[in-house]
Structures are given as C-alpha cells and as structure tokens.
Amino acid sequence: MQGKTKIKLITFIISFLWIGLGTLIHISPYPDYNLLGFDYNSLIFNILYWTTFPFNIIFSFLIFTERLSEIYVAVTLLQLIKILIYWLIFYKIFKPK
C-alpha cells in the first residue's frame, strides 16, 4: 500500500507542475500576467511554450478569444480538471503491476 500512495503523490505532483507551468507560460506573453519575466521571443520561452502547448491547447484558445480577467473562473476549473485527468493517466502508466 505504501508504494501505491507514493506513486499517487508523485504522479499528482508531476501533473500539477506540468499543467501549472503550461498555464504560466501561456499567459506570460501578456505584460499584465508575465510572472516568470520571460520575453516571449526568448529561446527558453519558445521551448517551454511548444513543449506544453499540446497539453494546454484548449487553454490557449480561451486566452486568445477572451480577456483572462473575464474568464479566470472557467480557466481555473479547466486547469483543475486537466490536472486530475493527467494525474489519472500518469498514475495508470506508472502504477505497479
């Protein structure tokens, strides 16, 4: 039982950090929300953006269609649901047989 709990925790942390990093990267081109201090033309930004883009494609479309201040509740719920989905996927992949 100890191993399953450890894997659940590790996979949750991975999914949380992955989706959280993607969220920060995708809102950072907007000057009001640039918490990481990246210039959107920098190499590290482009690498992180395109690495997290497949996991945040719906979020990217929401950001481009509406202002974040108007849809932050929907974005937060979407990202929380995605964390849970990716947590389940990662757990299924890494759980002991």
PDB file of N, CA and C in Angstrom:
ATOM      1  N   MET A   1       0.821  -1.197   0.000  1.00  0.00           N
ATOM      2  CA  MET A   1       0.000   0.000   0.000  1.00  0.00           C
ATOM      3  C   MET A   1       0.865   1.260   0.000  1.00  0.00           C
ATOM      4  N   GLN A   2       2.023   1.174   0.626  1.00  0.00           N
ATOM      5  CA  GLN A   2       2.918   2.320   0.714  1.00  0.00           C
ATOM      6  C   GLN A   2       3.392   2.750  -0.673  1.00  0.00           C
ATOM      7  N   GLY A   3       3.686   1.795  -1.569  1.00  0.00           N
ATOM      8  CA  GLY A   3       4.167   2.105  -2.908  1.00  0.00           C
ATOM      9  C   GLY A   3       3.121   2.799  -3.757  1.00  0.00           C
ATOM     10  N   LYS A   4       1.847   2.361  -3.641  1.00  0.00           N
ATOM     11  CA  LYS A   4       0.780   2.986  -4.428  1.00  0.00           C
ATOM     12  C   LYS A   4       0.544   4.424  -3.998  1.00  0.00           C
ATOM     13  N   THR A   5       0.606   4.677  -2.699  1.00  0.00           N
ATOM     14  CA  THR A   5       0.412   6.031  -2.194  1.00  0.00           C
ATOM     15  C   THR A   5       1.536   6.945  -2.673  1.00  0.00           C
ATOM     16  N   LYS A   6       2.761   6.428  -2.660  1.00  0.00           N
ATOM     17  CA  LYS A   6       3.906   7.213  -3.112  1.00  0.00           C
ATOM     18  C   LYS A   6       3.777   7.532  -4.603  1.00  0.00           C
ATOM     19  N   ILE A   7       3.367   6.569  -5.398  1.00  0.00           N
ATOM     20  CA  ILE A   7       3.202   6.793  -6.839  1.00  0.00           C
ATOM     21  C   ILE A   7       2.061   7.767  -7.098  1.00  0.00           C
ATOM     22  N   LYS A   8       0.979   7.670  -6.328  1.00  0.00           N
ATOM     23  CA  LYS A   8      -0.121   8.626  -6.482  1.00  0.00           C
ATOM     24  C   LYS A   8       0.358  10.048  -6.211  1.00  0.00           C
ATOM     25  N   LEU A   9       1.132  10.222  -5.167  1.00  0.00           N
ATOM     26  CA  LEU A   9       1.636  11.548  -4.814  1.00  0.00           C
ATOM     27  C   LEU A   9       2.594  12.076  -5.882  1.00  0.00           C
ATOM     28  N   ILE A  10       3.510  11.253  -6.321  1.00  0.00           N
ATOM     29  CA  ILE A  10       4.484  11.669  -7.333  1.00  0.00           C
ATOM     30  C   ILE A  10       3.794  12.026  -8.642  1.00  0.00           C
ATOM     31  N   THR A  11       2.842  11.207  -9.074  1.00  0.00           N
ATOM     32  CA  THR A  11       2.152  11.493 -10.324  1.00  0.00           C
ATOM     33  C   THR A  11       1.265  12.736 -10.215  1.00  0.00           C
ATOM     34  N   PHE A  12       0.691  12.982  -9.040  1.00  0.00           N
ATOM     35  CA  PHE A  12      -0.077  14.208  -8.848  1.00  0.00           C
ATOM     36  C   PHE A  12       0.825  15.433  -8.931  1.00  0.00           C
ATOM     37  N   ILE A  13       1.980  15.366  -8.297  1.00  0.00           N
ATOM     38  CA  ILE A  13       2.920  16.491  -8.330  1.00  0.00           C
ATOM     39  C   ILE A  13       3.384  16.759  -9.760  1.00  0.00           C
ATOM     40  N   ILE A  14       3.678  15.702 -10.514  1.00  0.00           N
ATOM     41  CA  ILE A  14       4.093  15.866 -11.907  1.00  0.00           C
ATOM     42  C   ILE A  14       2.996  16.530 -12.724  1.00  0.00           C
ATOM     43  N   SER A  15       1.764  16.046 -12.606  1.00  0.00           N
ATOM     44  CA  SER A  15       0.678  16.619 -13.402  1.00  0.00           C
ATOM     45  C   SER A  15       0.394  18.065 -12.969  1.00  0.00           C
ATOM     46  N   PHE A  16       0.459  18.347 -11.676  1.00  0.00           N
ATOM     47  CA  PHE A  16       0.228  19.707 -11.188  1.00  0.00           C
ATOM     48  C   PHE A  16       1.291  20.662 -11.711  1.00  0.00           C
ATOM     49  N   LEU A  17       2.556  20.262 -11.616  1.00  0.00           N
ATOM     50  CA  LEU A  17       3.638  21.126 -12.093  1.00  0.00           C
ATOM     51  C   LEU A  17       3.585  21.307 -13.607  1.00  0.00           C
ATOM     52  N   TRP A  18       3.266  20.236 -14.334  1.00  0.00           N
ATOM     53  CA  TRP A  18       3.222  20.309 -15.795  1.00  0.00           C
ATOM     54  C   TRP A  18       2.128  21.268 -16.271  1.00  0.00           C
ATOM     55  N   ILE A  19       0.927  21.114 -15.741  1.00  0.00           N
ATOM     56  CA  ILE A  19      -0.182  21.981 -16.133  1.00  0.00           C
ATOM     57  C   ILE A  19       0.030  23.394 -15.584  1.00  0.00           C
ATOM     58  N   GLY A  20       0.545  23.511 -14.374  1.00  0.00           N
ATOM     59  CA  GLY A  20       0.821  24.831 -13.805  1.00  0.00           C
ATOM     60  C   GLY A  20       1.876  25.593 -14.589  1.00  0.00           C
ATOM     61  N   LEU A  21       2.952  24.907 -14.973  1.00  0.00           N
ATOM     62  CA  LEU A  21       3.986  25.549 -15.787  1.00  0.00           C
ATOM     63  C   LEU A  21       3.418  25.969 -17.135  1.00  0.00           C
ATOM     64  N   GLY A  22       2.616  25.098 -17.731  1.00  0.00           N
ATOM     65  CA  GLY A  22       1.993  25.432 -19.008  1.00  0.00           C
ATOM     66  C   GLY A  22       1.083  26.643 -18.897  1.00  0.00           C
ATOM     67  N   THR A  23       0.350  26.726 -17.808  1.00  0.00           N
ATOM     68  CA  THR A  23      -0.532  27.877 -17.592  1.00  0.00           C
ATOM     69  C   THR A  23       0.277  29.165 -17.486  1.00  0.00           C
ATOM     70  N   LEU A  24       1.331  29.141 -16.697  1.00  0.00           N
ATOM     71  CA  LEU A  24       2.168  30.332 -16.556  1.00  0.00           C
ATOM     72  C   LEU A  24       2.835  30.718 -17.870  1.00  0.00           C
ATOM     73  N   ILE A  25       3.293  29.731 -18.616  1.00  0.00           N
ATOM     74  CA  ILE A  25       3.949  30.007 -19.896  1.00  0.00           C
ATOM     75  C   ILE A  25       2.962  30.616 -20.882  1.00  0.00           C
ATOM     76  N   HIS A  26       1.738  30.108 -20.924  1.00  0.00           N
ATOM     77  CA  HIS A  26       0.779  30.571 -21.927  1.00  0.00           C
ATOM     78  C   HIS A  26       0.172  31.930 -21.603  1.00  0.00           C
ATOM     79  N   ILE A  27       0.239  32.360 -20.343  1.00  0.00           N
ATOM     80  CA  ILE A  27      -0.240  33.718 -20.045  1.00  0.00           C
ATOM     81  C   ILE A  27       0.904  34.720 -19.968  1.00  0.00           C
ATOM     82  N   SER A  28       2.152  34.251 -19.992  1.00  0.00           N
ATOM     83  CA  SER A  28       3.273  35.177 -19.835  1.00  0.00           C
ATOM     84  C   SER A  28       3.516  36.116 -21.015  1.00  0.00           C
ATOM     85  N   PRO A  29       3.051  35.858 -22.238  1.00  0.00           N
ATOM     86  CA  PRO A  29       3.238  36.883 -23.277  1.00  0.00           C
ATOM     87  C   PRO A  29       2.453  38.167 -23.000  1.00  0.00           C
ATOM     88  N   TYR A  30       1.457  38.108 -22.134  1.00  0.00           N
ATOM     89  CA  TYR A  30       0.682  39.288 -21.797  1.00  0.00           C
ATOM     90  C   TYR A  30       1.386  40.038 -20.670  1.00  0.00           C
ATOM     91  N   PRO A  31       1.740  41.290 -20.883  1.00  0.00           N
ATOM     92  CA  PRO A  31       2.539  42.025 -19.885  1.00  0.00           C
ATOM     93  C   PRO A  31       1.921  42.053 -18.486  1.00  0.00           C
ATOM     94  N   ASP A  32       0.610  42.097 -18.381  1.00  0.00           N
ATOM     95  CA  ASP A  32      -0.016  42.144 -17.060  1.00  0.00           C
ATOM     96  C   ASP A  32       0.148  40.841 -16.283  1.00  0.00           C
ATOM     97  N   TYR A  33       0.354  39.727 -16.984  1.00  0.00           N
ATOM     98  CA  TYR A  33       0.405  38.411 -16.334  1.00  0.00           C
ATOM     99  C   TYR A  33       1.765  37.741 -16.456  1.00  0.00           C
ATOM    100  N   ASN A  34       2.793  38.471 -16.822  1.00  0.00           N
ATOM    101  CA  ASN A  34       4.116  37.887 -17.004  1.00  0.00           C
ATOM    102  C   ASN A  34       4.799  37.712 -15.657  1.00  0.00           C
ATOM    103  N   LEU A  35       4.493  36.609 -14.997  1.00  0.00           N
ATOM    104  CA  LEU A  35       5.038  36.340 -13.665  1.00  0.00           C
ATOM    105  C   LEU A  35       6.444  35.758 -13.719  1.00  0.00           C
ATOM    106  N   LEU A  36       6.808  35.142 -14.833  1.00  0.00           N
ATOM    107  CA  LEU A  36       8.104  34.490 -14.938  1.00  0.00           C
ATOM    108  C   LEU A  36       9.196  35.420 -15.456  1.00  0.00           C
ATOM    109  N   GLY A  37       8.820  36.546 -16.026  1.00  0.00           N
ATOM    110  CA  GLY A  37       9.800  37.503 -16.509  1.00  0.00           C
ATOM    111  C   GLY A  37      10.409  37.140 -17.848  1.00  0.00           C
ATOM    112  N   PHE A  38       9.828  36.189 -18.574  1.00  0.00           N
ATOM    113  CA  PHE A  38      10.345  35.796 -19.877  1.00  0.00           C
ATOM    114  C   PHE A  38       9.909  36.775 -20.944  1.00  0.00           C
ATOM    115  N   ASP A  39      10.810  37.020 -21.866  1.00  0.00           N
ATOM    116  CA  ASP A  39      10.433  37.719 -23.083  1.00  0.00           C
ATOM    117  C   ASP A  39       9.887  36.657 -24.028  1.00  0.00           C
ATOM    118  N   TYR A  40       8.776  36.925 -24.670  1.00  0.00           N
ATOM    119  CA  TYR A  40       8.167  35.883 -25.485  1.00  0.00           C
ATOM    120  C   TYR A  40       8.947  35.587 -26.760  1.00  0.00           C
ATOM    121  N   ASN A  41      10.032  36.287 -27.010  1.00  0.00           N
ATOM    122  CA  ASN A  41      10.910  35.967 -28.134  1.00  0.00           C
ATOM    123  C   ASN A  41      12.128  35.170 -27.702  1.00  0.00           C
ATOM    124  N   SER A  42      12.251  34.894 -26.407  1.00  0.00           N
ATOM    125  CA  SER A  42      13.443  34.192 -25.923  1.00  0.00           C
ATOM    126  C   SER A  42      13.372  32.700 -26.233  1.00  0.00           C
ATOM    127  N   LEU A  43      14.525  32.076 -26.264  1.00  0.00           N
ATOM    128  CA  LEU A  43      14.627  30.654 -26.593  1.00  0.00           C
ATOM    129  C   LEU A  43      13.950  29.794 -25.529  1.00  0.00           C
ATOM    130  N   ILE A  44      14.177  30.093 -24.254  1.00  0.00           N
ATOM    131  CA  ILE A  44      13.590  29.272 -23.188  1.00  0.00           C
ATOM    132  C   ILE A  44      12.065  29.367 -23.202  1.00  0.00           C
ATOM    133  N   PHE A  45      11.535  30.549 -23.494  1.00  0.00           N
ATOM    134  CA  PHE A  45      10.089  30.680 -23.590  1.00  0.00           C
ATOM    135  C   PHE A  45       9.542  29.818 -24.715  1.00  0.00           C
ATOM    136  N   ASN A  46      10.165  29.874 -25.878  1.00  0.00           N
ATOM    137  CA  ASN A  46       9.684  29.102 -27.025  1.00  0.00           C
ATOM    138  C   ASN A  46       9.762  27.605 -26.778  1.00  0.00           C
ATOM    139  N   ILE A  47      10.819  27.144 -26.138  1.00  0.00           N
ATOM    140  CA  ILE A  47      10.938  25.713 -25.820  1.00  0.00           C
ATOM    141  C   ILE A  47       9.827  25.297 -24.861  1.00  0.00           C
ATOM    142  N   LEU A  48       9.633  26.050 -23.795  1.00  0.00           N
ATOM    143  CA  LEU A  48       8.590  25.710 -22.819  1.00  0.00           C
ATOM    144  C   LEU A  48       7.193  25.862 -23.412  1.00  0.00           C
ATOM    145  N   TYR A  49       6.995  26.866 -24.241  1.00  0.00           N
ATOM    146  CA  TYR A  49       5.682  27.070 -24.858  1.00  0.00           C
ATOM    147  C   TYR A  49       5.306  25.894 -25.737  1.00  0.00           C
ATOM    148  N   TRP A  50       6.205  25.496 -26.616  1.00  0.00           N
ATOM    149  CA  TRP A  50       5.869  24.413 -27.549  1.00  0.00           C
ATOM    150  C   TRP A  50       5.896  23.049 -26.876  1.00  0.00           C
ATOM    151  N   THR A  51       6.603  22.916 -25.763  1.00  0.00           N
ATOM    152  CA  THR A  51       6.575  21.659 -25.012  1.00  0.00           C
ATOM    153  C   THR A  51       5.243  21.491 -24.286  1.00  0.00           C
ATOM    154  N   THR A  52       4.696  22.568 -23.767  1.00  0.00           N
ATOM    155  CA  THR A  52       3.441  22.481 -23.010  1.00  0.00           C
ATOM    156  C   THR A  52       2.211  22.768 -23.863  1.00  0.00           C
ATOM    157  N   PHE A  53       2.388  23.200 -25.099  1.00  0.00           N
ATOM    158  CA  PHE A  53       1.253  23.548 -25.951  1.00  0.00           C
ATOM    159  C   PHE A  53       0.278  22.400 -26.167  1.00  0.00           C
ATOM    160  N   PRO A  54       0.731  21.173 -26.460  1.00  0.00           N
ATOM    161  CA  PRO A  54      -0.250  20.096 -26.668  1.00  0.00           C
ATOM    162  C   PRO A  54      -1.130  19.833 -25.444  1.00  0.00           C
ATOM    163  N   PHE A  55      -0.615  20.087 -24.265  1.00  0.00           N
ATOM    164  CA  PHE A  55      -1.378  19.847 -23.046  1.00  0.00           C
ATOM    165  C   PHE A  55      -2.273  21.037 -22.691  1.00  0.00           C
ATOM    166  N   ASN A  56      -2.019  22.175 -23.291  1.00  0.00           N
ATOM    167  CA  ASN A  56      -2.765  23.388 -22.974  1.00  0.00           C
ATOM    168  C   ASN A  56      -3.417  24.012 -24.201  1.00  0.00           C
ATOM    169  N   ILE A  57      -3.735  23.220 -25.183  1.00  0.00           N
ATOM    170  CA  ILE A  57      -4.284  23.761 -26.420  1.00  0.00           C
ATOM    171  C   ILE A  57      -5.641  24.427 -26.201  1.00  0.00           C
ATOM    172  N   ILE A  58      -6.503  23.833 -25.388  1.00  0.00           N
ATOM    173  CA  ILE A  58      -7.811  24.440 -25.101  1.00  0.00           C
ATOM    174  C   ILE A  58      -7.621  25.750 -24.338  1.00  0.00           C
ATOM    175  N   PHE A  59      -6.720  25.748 -23.392  1.00  0.00           N
ATOM    176  CA  PHE A  59      -6.419  26.953 -22.628  1.00  0.00           C
ATOM    177  C   PHE A  59      -5.904  28.063 -23.547  1.00  0.00           C
ATOM    178  N   SER A  60      -5.052  27.698 -24.512  1.00  0.00           N
ATOM    179  CA  SER A  60      -4.517  28.686 -25.446  1.00  0.00           C
ATOM    180  C   SER A  60      -5.622  29.337 -26.259  1.00  0.00           C
ATOM    181  N   PHE A  61      -6.571  28.542 -26.727  1.00  0.00           N
ATOM    182  CA  PHE A  61      -7.678  29.103 -27.494  1.00  0.00           C
ATOM    183  C   PHE A  61      -8.559  30.012 -26.638  1.00  0.00           C
ATOM    184  N   LEU A  62      -8.763  29.654 -25.382  1.00  0.00           N
ATOM    185  CA  LEU A  62      -9.540  30.518 -24.488  1.00  0.00           C
ATOM    186  C   LEU A  62      -8.859  31.860 -24.261  1.00  0.00           C
ATOM    187  N   ILE A  63      -7.553  31.821 -24.073  1.00  0.00           N
ATOM    188  CA  ILE A  63      -6.796  33.050 -23.831  1.00  0.00           C
ATOM    189  C   ILE A  63      -6.853  33.971 -25.048  1.00  0.00           C
ATOM    190  N   PHE A  64      -6.793  33.393 -26.256  1.00  0.00           N
ATOM    191  CA  PHE A  64      -6.799  34.219 -27.465  1.00  0.00           C
ATOM    192  C   PHE A  64      -8.180  34.766 -27.801  1.00  0.00           C
ATOM    193  N   THR A  65      -9.239  34.166 -27.266  1.00  0.00           N
ATOM    194  CA  THR A  65     -10.582  34.619 -27.611  1.00  0.00           C
ATOM    195  C   THR A  65     -11.171  35.601 -26.595  1.00  0.00           C
ATOM    196  N   GLU A  66     -10.771  35.494 -25.358  1.00  0.00           N
ATOM    197  CA  GLU A  66     -11.343  36.351 -24.303  1.00  0.00           C
ATOM    198  C   GLU A  66     -10.228  36.934 -23.450  1.00  0.00           C
ATOM    199  N   ARG A  67     -10.562  37.969 -22.706  1.00  0.00           N
ATOM    200  CA  ARG A  67      -9.621  38.519 -21.734  1.00  0.00           C
ATOM    201  C   ARG A  67      -9.588  37.600 -20.514  1.00  0.00           C
ATOM    202  N   LEU A  68      -8.408  37.390 -19.965  1.00  0.00           N
ATOM    203  CA  LEU A  68      -8.256  36.495 -18.822  1.00  0.00           C
ATOM    204  C   LEU A  68      -9.062  36.979 -17.624  1.00  0.00           C
ATOM    205  N   SER A  69      -9.180  38.270 -17.445  1.00  0.00           N
ATOM    206  CA  SER A  69      -9.928  38.790 -16.302  1.00  0.00           C
ATOM    207  C   SER A  69     -11.411  38.447 -16.379  1.00  0.00           C
ATOM    208  N   GLU A  70     -11.913  38.145 -17.574  1.00  0.00           N
ATOM    209  CA  GLU A  70     -13.319  37.800 -17.735  1.00  0.00           C
ATOM    210  C   GLU A  70     -13.592  36.299 -17.613  1.00  0.00           C
ATOM    211  N   ILE A  71     -12.574  35.484 -17.821  1.00  0.00           N
ATOM    212  CA  ILE A  71     -12.796  34.032 -17.839  1.00  0.00           C
ATOM    213  C   ILE A  71     -11.910  33.282 -16.846  1.00  0.00           C
ATOM    214  N   TYR A  72     -11.380  33.957 -15.842  1.00  0.00           N
ATOM    215  CA  TYR A  72     -10.441  33.285 -14.949  1.00  0.00           C
ATOM    216  C   TYR A  72     -11.069  32.129 -14.167  1.00  0.00           C
ATOM    217  N   VAL A  73     -12.350  32.202 -13.852  1.00  0.00           N
ATOM    218  CA  VAL A  73     -13.003  31.096 -13.143  1.00  0.00           C
ATOM    219  C   VAL A  73     -13.086  29.871 -14.057  1.00  0.00           C
ATOM    220  N   ALA A  74     -13.485  30.073 -15.297  1.00  0.00           N
ATOM    221  CA  ALA A  74     -13.556  28.956 -16.252  1.00  0.00           C
ATOM    222  C   ALA A  74     -12.173  28.380 -16.512  1.00  0.00           C
ATOM    223  N   VAL A  75     -11.171  29.238 -16.613  1.00  0.00           N
ATOM    224  CA  VAL A  75      -9.798  28.772 -16.840  1.00  0.00           C
ATOM    225  C   VAL A  75      -9.310  27.963 -15.647  1.00  0.00           C
ATOM    226  N   THR A  76      -9.590  28.440 -14.446  1.00  0.00           N
ATOM    227  CA  THR A  76      -9.170  27.714 -13.244  1.00  0.00           C
ATOM    228  C   THR A  76      -9.831  26.337 -13.173  1.00  0.00           C
ATOM    229  N   LEU A  77     -11.115  26.272 -13.432  1.00  0.00           N
ATOM    230  CA  LEU A  77     -11.805  24.977 -13.422  1.00  0.00           C
ATOM    231  C   LEU A  77     -11.275  24.046 -14.517  1.00  0.00           C
ATOM    232  N   LEU A  78     -11.042  24.581 -15.696  1.00  0.00           N
ATOM    233  CA  LEU A  78     -10.494  23.784 -16.787  1.00  0.00           C
ATOM    234  C   LEU A  78      -9.134  23.221 -16.415  1.00  0.00           C
ATOM    235  N   GLN A  79      -8.276  24.045 -15.861  1.00  0.00           N
ATOM    236  CA  GLN A  79      -6.943  23.584 -15.491  1.00  0.00           C
ATOM    237  C   GLN A  79      -7.004  22.556 -14.354  1.00  0.00           C
ATOM    238  N   LEU A  80      -7.893  22.722 -13.399  1.00  0.00           N
ATOM    239  CA  LEU A  80      -8.039  21.728 -12.326  1.00  0.00           C
ATOM    240  C   LEU A  80      -8.518  20.382 -12.867  1.00  0.00           C
ATOM    241  N   ILE A  81      -9.461  20.423 -13.794  1.00  0.00           N
ATOM    242  CA  ILE A  81      -9.947  19.180 -14.406  1.00  0.00           C
ATOM    243  C   ILE A  81      -8.819  18.511 -15.187  1.00  0.00           C
ATOM    244  N   LYS A  82      -8.034  19.313 -15.890  1.00  0.00           N
ATOM    245  CA  LYS A  82      -6.915  18.746 -16.649  1.00  0.00           C
ATOM    246  C   LYS A  82      -5.860  18.147 -15.726  1.00  0.00           C
ATOM    247  N   ILE A  83      -5.625  18.758 -14.576  1.00  0.00           N
ATOM    248  CA  ILE A  83      -4.679  18.188 -13.615  1.00  0.00           C
ATOM    249  C   ILE A  83      -5.155  16.804 -13.188  1.00  0.00           C
ATOM    250  N   LEU A  84      -6.442  16.680 -12.893  1.00  0.00           N
ATOM    251  CA  LEU A  84      -6.980  15.389 -12.466  1.00  0.00           C
ATOM    252  C   LEU A  84      -6.919  14.347 -13.588  1.00  0.00           C
ATOM    253  N   ILE A  85      -7.196  14.760 -14.811  1.00  0.00           N
ATOM    254  CA  ILE A  85      -7.133  13.829 -15.946  1.00  0.00           C
ATOM    255  C   ILE A  85      -5.710  13.351 -16.169  1.00  0.00           C
ATOM    256  N   TYR A  86      -4.753  14.271 -16.197  1.00  0.00           N
ATOM    257  CA  TYR A  86      -3.363  13.870 -16.409  1.00  0.00           C
ATOM    258  C   TYR A  86      -2.823  13.085 -15.228  1.00  0.00           C
ATOM    259  N   TRP A  87      -3.300  13.375 -14.034  1.00  0.00           N
ATOM    260  CA  TRP A  87      -2.902  12.592 -12.864  1.00  0.00           C
ATOM    261  C   TRP A  87      -3.355  11.147 -13.041  1.00  0.00           C
ATOM    262  N   LEU A  88      -4.579  10.942 -13.478  1.00  0.00           N
ATOM    263  CA  LEU A  88      -5.085   9.596 -13.722  1.00  0.00           C
ATOM    264  C   LEU A  88      -4.276   8.894 -14.811  1.00  0.00           C
ATOM    265  N   ILE A  89      -3.972   9.596 -15.879  1.00  0.00           N
ATOM    266  CA  ILE A  89      -3.183   8.997 -16.963  1.00  0.00           C
ATOM    267  C   ILE A  89      -1.790   8.623 -16.479  1.00  0.00           C
ATOM    268  N   PHE A  90      -1.110   9.542 -15.794  1.00  0.00           N
ATOM    269  CA  PHE A  90       0.230   9.246 -15.280  1.00  0.00           C
ATOM    270  C   PHE A  90       0.198   8.113 -14.273  1.00  0.00           C
ATOM    271  N   TYR A  91      -0.816   8.080 -13.433  1.00  0.00           N
ATOM    272  CA  TYR A  91      -0.910   7.000 -12.445  1.00  0.00           C
ATOM    273  C   TYR A  91      -1.104   5.651 -13.140  1.00  0.00           C
ATOM    274  N   LYS A  92      -1.953   5.600 -14.153  1.00  0.00           N
ATOM    275  CA  LYS A  92      -2.170   4.345 -14.890  1.00  0.00           C
ATOM    276  C   LYS A  92      -0.882   3.877 -15.556  1.00  0.00           C
ATOM    277  N   ILE A  93      -0.063   4.807 -16.019  1.00  0.00           N
ATOM    278  CA  ILE A  93       1.188   4.449 -16.674  1.00  0.00           C
ATOM    279  C   ILE A  93       2.214   3.951 -15.651  1.00  0.00           C
ATOM    280  N   PHE A  94       2.317   4.608 -14.501  1.00  0.00           N
ATOM    281  CA  PHE A  94       3.389   4.330 -13.550  1.00  0.00           C
ATOM    282  C   PHE A  94       2.994   3.421 -12.388  1.00  0.00           C
ATOM    283  N   LYS A  95       1.739   3.028 -12.295  1.00  0.00           N
ATOM    284  CA  LYS A  95       1.343   2.207 -11.131  1.00  0.00           C
ATOM    285  C   LYS A  95       2.009   0.829 -11.206  1.00  0.00           C
ATOM    286  N   PRO A  96       2.336   0.299 -10.047  1.00  0.00           N
ATOM    287  CA  PRO A  96       2.966  -1.030 -10.042  1.00  0.00           C
ATOM    288  C   PRO A  96       1.969  -2.109 -10.444  1.00  0.00           C
ATOM    289  N   LYS A  97       2.455  -3.092 -11.128  1.00  0.00           N
ATOM    290  CA  LYS A  97       1.593  -4.181 -11.598  1.00  0.00           C
ATOM    291  C   LYS A  97       1.374  -5.215 -10.516  1.00  0.00           C
TER     292      LYS A  97
END
